[in-house]
Amino acid sequence: MADESAETEAFTIEGPDGTSETVSLPAGLADVFAEQGEATTDVVADFAVQAFAQQTHAVVHHSQDEVPADLDALNTQMEEIFEERFGVSLADAMGHDH
């Protein structure tokens, strides 16, 4: 059972329409993944980019259903965003290509 008194850190995501959502992580968790001098907000943003890239890839390339063309185009754009952010293609990072 989780310790309800454990400290957390809040990160807020703001959308283009001005809405926002705050997510809490255990205090210090983002620091575990940060490189020396890297801001924890960058780490959280990296995780968001990575999650969207992986999930979109899974839906487009590993779904049993027909994939709409617009989702395929969004996947291509997400792969480009991933590569711009991390300097490596999603295919190379995942160890496979389609």
C-alpha atoms as a PDB file:
ATOM      1  CA  MET A   1       0.000   0.000   0.000  1.00  0.00           C
ATOM      2  CA  ALA A   2       1.275   3.477  -0.903  1.00  0.00           C
ATOM      3  CA  ASP A   3       2.334   5.872   1.816  1.00  0.00           C
ATOM      4  CA  GLU A   4      -0.286   8.631   1.662  1.00  0.00           C
ATOM      5  CA  SER A   5       2.119  11.074   3.344  1.00  0.00           C
ATOM      6  CA  ALA A   6       4.822  10.688   0.691  1.00  0.00           C
ATOM      7  CA  GLU A   7       5.766  13.968  -0.940  1.00  0.00           C
ATOM      8  CA  THR A   8       4.960  14.609  -4.561  1.00  0.00           C
ATOM      9  CA  GLU A   9       5.977  17.110  -7.217  1.00  0.00           C
ATOM     10  CA  ALA A  10       3.366  18.658  -9.487  1.00  0.00           C
ATOM     11  CA  PHE A  11       3.881  19.326 -13.181  1.00  0.00           C
ATOM     12  CA  THR A  12       1.324  21.284 -15.176  1.00  0.00           C
ATOM     13  CA  ILE A  13       0.598  20.720 -18.846  1.00  0.00           C
ATOM     14  CA  GLU A  14      -1.099  23.541 -20.719  1.00  0.00           C
ATOM     15  CA  GLY A  15      -2.980  22.953 -23.948  1.00  0.00           C
ATOM     16  CA  PRO A  16      -3.244  25.264 -26.941  1.00  0.00           C
ATOM     17  CA  ASP A  17      -6.796  26.191 -25.880  1.00  0.00           C
ATOM     18  CA  GLY A  18      -5.587  27.395 -22.472  1.00  0.00           C
ATOM     19  CA  THR A  19      -6.839  24.420 -20.483  1.00  0.00           C
ATOM     20  CA  SER A  20      -4.378  22.782 -18.136  1.00  0.00           C
ATOM     21  CA  GLU A  21      -3.930  19.578 -16.188  1.00  0.00           C
ATOM     22  CA  THR A  22      -1.628  19.002 -13.279  1.00  0.00           C
ATOM     23  CA  VAL A  23      -0.036  15.617 -12.712  1.00  0.00           C
ATOM     24  CA  SER A  24       1.781  14.540  -9.588  1.00  0.00           C
ATOM     25  CA  LEU A  25       4.849  12.339  -9.441  1.00  0.00           C
ATOM     26  CA  PRO A  26       6.665  11.064  -6.374  1.00  0.00           C
ATOM     27  CA  ALA A  27       9.150  13.709  -5.295  1.00  0.00           C
ATOM     28  CA  GLY A  28      12.550  12.996  -6.819  1.00  0.00           C
ATOM     29  CA  LEU A  29      11.339  10.544  -9.465  1.00  0.00           C
ATOM     30  CA  ALA A  30      11.983  12.870 -12.404  1.00  0.00           C
ATOM     31  CA  ASP A  31      15.456  13.551 -10.965  1.00  0.00           C
ATOM     32  CA  VAL A  32      16.267   9.846 -11.344  1.00  0.00           C
ATOM     33  CA  PHE A  33      16.016  10.220 -15.121  1.00  0.00           C
ATOM     34  CA  ALA A  34      17.609  13.669 -15.436  1.00  0.00           C
ATOM     35  CA  GLU A  35      21.109  14.141 -16.714  1.00  0.00           C
ATOM     36  CA  GLN A  36      23.374  16.471 -14.752  1.00  0.00           C
ATOM     37  CA  GLY A  37      21.947  19.975 -14.907  1.00  0.00           C
ATOM     38  CA  GLU A  38      18.816  18.931 -16.795  1.00  0.00           C
ATOM     39  CA  ALA A  39      15.551  20.424 -15.578  1.00  0.00           C
ATOM     40  CA  THR A  40      12.939  17.971 -14.364  1.00  0.00           C
ATOM     41  CA  THR A  41      10.382  19.675 -16.603  1.00  0.00           C
ATOM     42  CA  ASP A  42      12.492  18.584 -19.582  1.00  0.00           C
ATOM     43  CA  VAL A  43      12.445  15.007 -18.282  1.00  0.00           C
ATOM     44  CA  VAL A  44       8.665  15.032 -17.919  1.00  0.00           C
ATOM     45  CA  ALA A  45       8.308  16.502 -21.422  1.00  0.00           C
ATOM     46  CA  ASP A  46      10.673  13.815 -22.780  1.00  0.00           C
ATOM     47  CA  PHE A  47       8.452  11.146 -21.247  1.00  0.00           C
ATOM     48  CA  ALA A  48       5.372  12.703 -22.859  1.00  0.00           C
ATOM     49  CA  VAL A  49       7.005  12.756 -26.309  1.00  0.00           C
ATOM     50  CA  GLN A  50       8.238   9.195 -25.872  1.00  0.00           C
ATOM     51  CA  ALA A  51       4.837   7.929 -24.709  1.00  0.00           C
ATOM     52  CA  PHE A  52       2.957   9.548 -27.585  1.00  0.00           C
ATOM     53  CA  ALA A  53       5.473   8.258 -30.127  1.00  0.00           C
ATOM     54  CA  GLN A  54       5.333   4.700 -28.792  1.00  0.00           C
ATOM     55  CA  GLN A  55       1.559   4.606 -28.437  1.00  0.00           C
ATOM     56  CA  THR A  56       0.949   6.066 -31.895  1.00  0.00           C
ATOM     57  CA  HIS A  57       3.438   3.616 -33.373  1.00  0.00           C
ATOM     58  CA  ALA A  58       1.662   0.720 -31.655  1.00  0.00           C
ATOM     59  CA  VAL A  59      -1.763   1.743 -32.949  1.00  0.00           C
ATOM     60  CA  VAL A  60      -0.567   2.378 -36.507  1.00  0.00           C
ATOM     61  CA  HIS A  61       1.747  -0.603 -36.909  1.00  0.00           C
ATOM     62  CA  HIS A  62       0.473  -3.244 -34.508  1.00  0.00           C
ATOM     63  CA  SER A  63      -3.309  -2.832 -34.560  1.00  0.00           C
ATOM     64  CA  GLN A  64      -5.552  -5.516 -35.985  1.00  0.00           C
ATOM     65  CA  ASP A  65      -7.906  -2.837 -37.336  1.00  0.00           C
ATOM     66  CA  GLU A  66      -7.618  -0.651 -40.414  1.00  0.00           C
ATOM     67  CA  VAL A  67      -5.723   2.535 -39.585  1.00  0.00           C
ATOM     68  CA  PRO A  68      -7.193   5.815 -40.851  1.00  0.00           C
ATOM     69  CA  ALA A  69      -4.882   7.774 -43.150  1.00  0.00           C
ATOM     70  CA  ASP A  70      -4.958  10.802 -40.864  1.00  0.00           C
ATOM     71  CA  LEU A  71      -3.638   8.713 -37.960  1.00  0.00           C
ATOM     72  CA  ASP A  72      -0.892   7.338 -40.169  1.00  0.00           C
ATOM     73  CA  ALA A  73       0.072  10.920 -41.060  1.00  0.00           C
ATOM     74  CA  LEU A  74       0.027  11.908 -37.368  1.00  0.00           C
ATOM     75  CA  ASN A  75       2.324   8.961 -36.617  1.00  0.00           C
ATOM     76  CA  THR A  76       4.769  10.114 -39.283  1.00  0.00           C
ATOM     77  CA  GLN A  77       4.767  13.619 -37.813  1.00  0.00           C
ATOM     78  CA  MET A  78       5.202  12.229 -34.274  1.00  0.00           C
ATOM     79  CA  GLU A  79       8.198  10.188 -35.411  1.00  0.00           C
ATOM     80  CA  GLU A  80       9.732  13.394 -36.823  1.00  0.00           C
ATOM     81  CA  ILE A  81       9.103  15.221 -33.524  1.00  0.00           C
ATOM     82  CA  PHE A  82      10.692  12.312 -31.640  1.00  0.00           C
ATOM     83  CA  GLU A  83      13.796  12.396 -33.841  1.00  0.00           C
ATOM     84  CA  GLU A  84      14.133  16.183 -33.528  1.00  0.00           C
ATOM     85  CA  ARG A  85      13.935  15.967 -29.729  1.00  0.00           C
ATOM     86  CA  PHE A  86      16.187  12.940 -29.160  1.00  0.00           C
ATOM     87  CA  GLY A  87      18.500  12.992 -32.183  1.00  0.00           C
ATOM     88  CA  VAL A  88      17.679   9.393 -33.057  1.00  0.00           C
ATOM     89  CA  SER A  89      14.854   7.895 -35.071  1.00  0.00           C
ATOM     90  CA  LEU A  90      12.041   6.124 -33.269  1.00  0.00           C
ATOM     91  CA  ALA A  91      12.879   2.987 -35.250  1.00  0.00           C
ATOM     92  CA  ASP A  92      16.458   3.041 -33.968  1.00  0.00           C
ATOM     93  CA  ALA A  93      15.350   3.789 -30.408  1.00  0.00           C
ATOM     94  CA  MET A  94      12.847   0.922 -30.471  1.00  0.00           C
ATOM     95  CA  GLY A  95      15.132  -1.469 -32.292  1.00  0.00           C
ATOM     96  CA  HIS A  96      12.754  -2.174 -35.155  1.00  0.00           C
ATOM     97  CA  ASP A  97      11.281  -0.522 -38.229  1.00  0.00           C
ATOM     98  CA  HIS A  98       8.258  -1.010 -40.459  1.00  0.00           C
END
